[in-house]
Amino acid sequence: MRASRLIASIAASLTIVVSADAYCDGHPTVEQEFKSSALVCVGKVTSAREVAVGSQSITGGTFYSVEVVEVLKGSATRSLQLYSENSSGRFPMHVGVQYVIFANSGTFEGISGQQLAINNCGNSAPLPKGDETLETVRRLRKA
C-alpha cells in the first residue's frame, strides 16, 4: 500500500512539473516580444494586492500597482495595474523593485474586464537582471 502511495505521489509531482512547463508555448526573443506587446515599459512596483476568486480552478491572483518610469512602446499613464494570476503563468513581482515590462491585455477567470498582464515565459525581468534586455528594447525603439 505504501509503495502505491509513493508512486502516486511521484506521478503527481511529475504532472505538476510538466504542466508548468507546458504553459509556455516557447520563449520569444526580445525582438519578437517587443513587436507583439501592447506595452513595453520600465516600472517600479509600488504595492501588491492579493485577490481571491470564487473558482474551483483558480485561487485568485495579485494586482500590482506600478509607477511607470519610462514608456518604450505603447502608451501608459504615470501608474498602471498589472494582474498576475495564481497559476503556472504567474509572474511574481516585488514591491520596491524596478522591472522591464512587456505587457498585453487579457481576460482572467473571476476578474472582470481586460487586465494588463505579463507573460512569465517572456523577457520581463527585474533590473538590473534585465539590463541587457532593456538595452535591446531601447535600440528597437529607435529603429
C-alpha atoms as a PDB file:
ATOM      1  CA  MET A   1       0.000   0.000   0.000  1.00  0.00           C
ATOM      2  CA  ARG A   2       2.831   2.411   0.854  1.00  0.00           C
ATOM      3  CA  ALA A   3       4.565   1.734  -2.463  1.00  0.00           C
ATOM      4  CA  SER A   4       1.433   2.627  -4.435  1.00  0.00           C
ATOM      5  CA  ARG A   5       1.086   5.888  -2.484  1.00  0.00           C
ATOM      6  CA  LEU A   6       4.720   6.722  -3.193  1.00  0.00           C
ATOM      7  CA  ILE A   7       4.269   6.016  -6.912  1.00  0.00           C
ATOM      8  CA  ALA A   8       1.086   8.113  -6.999  1.00  0.00           C
ATOM      9  CA  SER A   9       2.881  10.962  -5.216  1.00  0.00           C
ATOM     10  CA  ILE A  10       5.811  10.864  -7.664  1.00  0.00           C
ATOM     11  CA  ALA A  11       3.429  10.741 -10.641  1.00  0.00           C
ATOM     12  CA  ALA A  12       1.512  13.767  -9.310  1.00  0.00           C
ATOM     13  CA  SER A  13       4.776  15.688  -8.869  1.00  0.00           C
ATOM     14  CA  LEU A  14       5.844  14.903 -12.423  1.00  0.00           C
ATOM     15  CA  THR A  15       2.462  16.001 -13.748  1.00  0.00           C
ATOM     16  CA  ILE A  16       2.784  19.361 -11.977  1.00  0.00           C
ATOM     17  CA  VAL A  17       6.243  19.958 -13.442  1.00  0.00           C
ATOM     18  CA  VAL A  18       5.100  19.021 -16.946  1.00  0.00           C
ATOM     19  CA  SER A  19       2.024  21.246 -16.619  1.00  0.00           C
ATOM     20  CA  ALA A  20       4.073  24.260 -15.569  1.00  0.00           C
ATOM     21  CA  ASP A  21       6.498  23.785 -18.454  1.00  0.00           C
ATOM     22  CA  ALA A  22       3.649  23.146 -20.900  1.00  0.00           C
ATOM     23  CA  TYR A  23       2.200  26.593 -20.127  1.00  0.00           C
ATOM     24  CA  CYS A  24       4.905  28.189 -22.262  1.00  0.00           C
ATOM     25  CA  ASP A  25       4.436  27.840 -25.990  1.00  0.00           C
ATOM     26  CA  GLY A  26       8.017  28.984 -26.317  1.00  0.00           C
ATOM     27  CA  HIS A  27      10.251  31.755 -25.155  1.00  0.00           C
ATOM     28  CA  PRO A  28      10.083  34.700 -27.545  1.00  0.00           C
ATOM     29  CA  THR A  29      13.169  36.699 -28.398  1.00  0.00           C
ATOM     30  CA  VAL A  30      13.248  40.273 -27.139  1.00  0.00           C
ATOM     31  CA  GLU A  31      12.553  41.408 -30.700  1.00  0.00           C
ATOM     32  CA  GLN A  32       9.515  39.116 -31.052  1.00  0.00           C
ATOM     33  CA  GLU A  33       8.051  40.117 -27.723  1.00  0.00           C
ATOM     34  CA  PHE A  34       8.676  43.822 -28.345  1.00  0.00           C
ATOM     35  CA  LYS A  35       6.764  43.551 -31.618  1.00  0.00           C
ATOM     36  CA  SER A  36       3.827  41.611 -30.119  1.00  0.00           C
ATOM     37  CA  SER A  37       3.433  43.521 -26.825  1.00  0.00           C
ATOM     38  CA  ALA A  38       0.846  46.254 -26.375  1.00  0.00           C
ATOM     39  CA  LEU A  39       3.001  47.982 -23.756  1.00  0.00           C
ATOM     40  CA  VAL A  40       6.711  47.863 -23.029  1.00  0.00           C
ATOM     41  CA  CYS A  41       7.982  49.998 -20.190  1.00  0.00           C
ATOM     42  CA  VAL A  42      10.217  50.302 -17.172  1.00  0.00           C
ATOM     43  CA  GLY A  43       8.214  50.417 -13.978  1.00  0.00           C
ATOM     44  CA  LYS A  44       8.660  50.260 -10.228  1.00  0.00           C
ATOM     45  CA  VAL A  45       6.218  48.173  -8.192  1.00  0.00           C
ATOM     46  CA  THR A  46       4.685  50.388  -5.506  1.00  0.00           C
ATOM     47  CA  SER A  47       2.178  47.945  -3.988  1.00  0.00           C
ATOM     48  CA  ALA A  48       0.702  44.469  -4.290  1.00  0.00           C
ATOM     49  CA  ARG A  49      -2.889  43.473  -3.523  1.00  0.00           C
ATOM     50  CA  GLU A  50      -3.944  39.834  -3.328  1.00  0.00           C
ATOM     51  CA  VAL A  51      -7.318  39.000  -4.872  1.00  0.00           C
ATOM     52  CA  ALA A  52      -9.422  35.959  -4.011  1.00  0.00           C
ATOM     53  CA  VAL A  53     -11.538  34.471  -6.771  1.00  0.00           C
ATOM     54  CA  GLY A  54     -14.523  32.207  -6.156  1.00  0.00           C
ATOM     55  CA  SER A  55     -13.459  29.439  -8.505  1.00  0.00           C
ATOM     56  CA  GLN A  56     -12.585  25.772  -8.202  1.00  0.00           C
ATOM     57  CA  SER A  57      -9.800  26.017 -10.789  1.00  0.00           C
ATOM     58  CA  ILE A  58      -8.143  29.362  -9.942  1.00  0.00           C
ATOM     59  CA  THR A  59      -7.241  30.616  -6.493  1.00  0.00           C
ATOM     60  CA  GLY A  60      -7.027  34.286  -7.445  1.00  0.00           C
ATOM     61  CA  GLY A  61      -4.005  36.401  -8.085  1.00  0.00           C
ATOM     62  CA  THR A  62      -2.253  39.670  -7.376  1.00  0.00           C
ATOM     63  CA  PHE A  63      -2.789  43.184  -8.678  1.00  0.00           C
ATOM     64  CA  TYR A  64       0.483  45.089  -8.755  1.00  0.00           C
ATOM     65  CA  SER A  65       0.487  48.889  -8.808  1.00  0.00           C
ATOM     66  CA  VAL A  66       3.376  50.042 -10.971  1.00  0.00           C
ATOM     67  CA  GLU A  67       4.813  53.532 -11.274  1.00  0.00           C
ATOM     68  CA  VAL A  68       5.813  53.975 -14.911  1.00  0.00           C
ATOM     69  CA  VAL A  69       9.376  55.270 -15.171  1.00  0.00           C
ATOM     70  CA  GLU A  70       9.873  55.024 -18.949  1.00  0.00           C
ATOM     71  CA  VAL A  71       7.488  54.066 -21.767  1.00  0.00           C
ATOM     72  CA  LEU A  72       9.276  52.183 -24.555  1.00  0.00           C
ATOM     73  CA  LYS A  73       6.256  51.119 -26.620  1.00  0.00           C
ATOM     74  CA  GLY A  74       2.552  51.915 -26.382  1.00  0.00           C
ATOM     75  CA  SER A  75       1.070  54.433 -24.021  1.00  0.00           C
ATOM     76  CA  ALA A  76       0.632  54.457 -20.284  1.00  0.00           C
ATOM     77  CA  THR A  77      -0.312  56.833 -17.537  1.00  0.00           C
ATOM     78  CA  ARG A  78       2.094  57.530 -14.679  1.00  0.00           C
ATOM     79  CA  SER A  79       0.838  54.425 -12.919  1.00  0.00           C
ATOM     80  CA  LEU A  80      -0.779  51.200 -14.041  1.00  0.00           C
ATOM     81  CA  GLN A  81      -2.173  47.962 -12.667  1.00  0.00           C
ATOM     82  CA  LEU A  82      -0.762  44.586 -13.709  1.00  0.00           C
ATOM     83  CA  TYR A  83      -2.546  41.351 -12.867  1.00  0.00           C
ATOM     84  CA  SER A  84      -0.756  38.095 -12.152  1.00  0.00           C
ATOM     85  CA  GLU A  85      -2.971  35.018 -11.849  1.00  0.00           C
ATOM     86  CA  ASN A  86      -2.101  32.294  -9.322  1.00  0.00           C
ATOM     87  CA  SER A  87      -1.350  29.691 -11.972  1.00  0.00           C
ATOM     88  CA  SER A  88       1.623  28.260 -13.826  1.00  0.00           C
ATOM     89  CA  GLY A  89       1.628  31.546 -15.772  1.00  0.00           C
ATOM     90  CA  ARG A  90       2.239  33.655 -12.666  1.00  0.00           C
ATOM     91  CA  PHE A  91       4.830  36.432 -12.883  1.00  0.00           C
ATOM     92  CA  PRO A  92       5.621  37.332  -9.258  1.00  0.00           C
ATOM     93  CA  MET A  93       6.879  40.849  -8.599  1.00  0.00           C
ATOM     94  CA  HIS A  94       8.305  42.545  -5.512  1.00  0.00           C
ATOM     95  CA  VAL A  95       7.370  45.939  -4.088  1.00  0.00           C
ATOM     96  CA  GLY A  96      10.158  48.497  -4.482  1.00  0.00           C
ATOM     97  CA  VAL A  97      11.805  46.733  -7.427  1.00  0.00           C
ATOM     98  CA  GLN A  98      12.058  48.154 -10.967  1.00  0.00           C
ATOM     99  CA  TYR A  99      11.266  45.883 -13.913  1.00  0.00           C
ATOM    100  CA  VAL A 100      11.470  45.962 -17.670  1.00  0.00           C
ATOM    101  CA  ILE A 101       7.879  45.013 -18.516  1.00  0.00           C
ATOM    102  CA  PHE A 102       6.317  43.507 -21.641  1.00  0.00           C
ATOM    103  CA  ALA A 103       2.529  43.554 -21.160  1.00  0.00           C
ATOM    104  CA  ASN A 104      -0.630  42.632 -23.042  1.00  0.00           C
ATOM    105  CA  SER A 105      -4.316  42.795 -22.188  1.00  0.00           C
ATOM    106  CA  GLY A 106      -6.147  39.627 -21.326  1.00  0.00           C
ATOM    107  CA  THR A 107      -9.149  38.241 -19.500  1.00  0.00           C
ATOM    108  CA  PHE A 108      -8.874  36.104 -16.393  1.00  0.00           C
ATOM    109  CA  GLU A 109     -11.334  33.811 -14.671  1.00  0.00           C
ATOM    110  CA  GLY A 110     -13.142  35.630 -11.874  1.00  0.00           C
ATOM    111  CA  ILE A 111     -11.713  39.071 -12.762  1.00  0.00           C
ATOM    112  CA  SER A 112     -13.951  41.467 -14.648  1.00  0.00           C
ATOM    113  CA  GLY A 113     -12.766  43.224 -17.785  1.00  0.00           C
ATOM    114  CA  GLN A 114      -9.460  43.287 -19.624  1.00  0.00           C
ATOM    115  CA  GLN A 115      -6.333  43.400 -17.469  1.00  0.00           C
ATOM    116  CA  LEU A 116      -2.736  44.129 -18.340  1.00  0.00           C
ATOM    117  CA  ALA A 117      -0.552  41.114 -17.598  1.00  0.00           C
ATOM    118  CA  ILE A 118       2.966  39.803 -18.155  1.00  0.00           C
ATOM    119  CA  ASN A 119       3.791  36.536 -19.912  1.00  0.00           C
ATOM    120  CA  ASN A 120       6.015  34.618 -17.481  1.00  0.00           C
ATOM    121  CA  CYS A 121       7.670  32.896 -20.470  1.00  0.00           C
ATOM    122  CA  GLY A 122       8.741  36.227 -21.917  1.00  0.00           C
ATOM    123  CA  ASN A 123      11.508  38.724 -21.319  1.00  0.00           C
ATOM    124  CA  SER A 124      10.097  40.831 -18.475  1.00  0.00           C
ATOM    125  CA  ALA A 125      12.647  40.925 -15.684  1.00  0.00           C
ATOM    126  CA  PRO A 126      13.720  42.825 -12.595  1.00  0.00           C
ATOM    127  CA  LEU A 127      16.515  45.337 -13.013  1.00  0.00           C
ATOM    128  CA  PRO A 128      19.481  45.028 -13.052  1.00  0.00           C
ATOM    129  CA  LYS A 129      18.997  41.409 -14.225  1.00  0.00           C
ATOM    130  CA  GLY A 130      17.053  42.750 -17.242  1.00  0.00           C
ATOM    131  CA  ASP A 131      19.591  45.454 -18.172  1.00  0.00           C
ATOM    132  CA  GLU A 132      20.653  43.695 -21.375  1.00  0.00           C
ATOM    133  CA  THR A 133      17.002  43.258 -22.396  1.00  0.00           C
ATOM    134  CA  LEU A 134      16.381  46.944 -21.679  1.00  0.00           C
ATOM    135  CA  GLU A 135      19.339  47.966 -23.875  1.00  0.00           C
ATOM    136  CA  THR A 136      17.964  45.822 -26.718  1.00  0.00           C
ATOM    137  CA  VAL A 137      14.490  47.364 -26.356  1.00  0.00           C
ATOM    138  CA  ARG A 138      15.910  50.890 -26.429  1.00  0.00           C
ATOM    139  CA  ARG A 139      17.704  50.043 -29.705  1.00  0.00           C
ATOM    140  CA  LEU A 140      14.496  48.530 -31.155  1.00  0.00           C
ATOM    141  CA  ARG A 141      12.512  51.636 -30.206  1.00  0.00           C
ATOM    142  CA  LYS A 142      14.914  53.829 -32.198  1.00  0.00           C
ATOM    143  CA  ALA A 143      14.831  51.566 -35.259  1.00  0.00           C
END
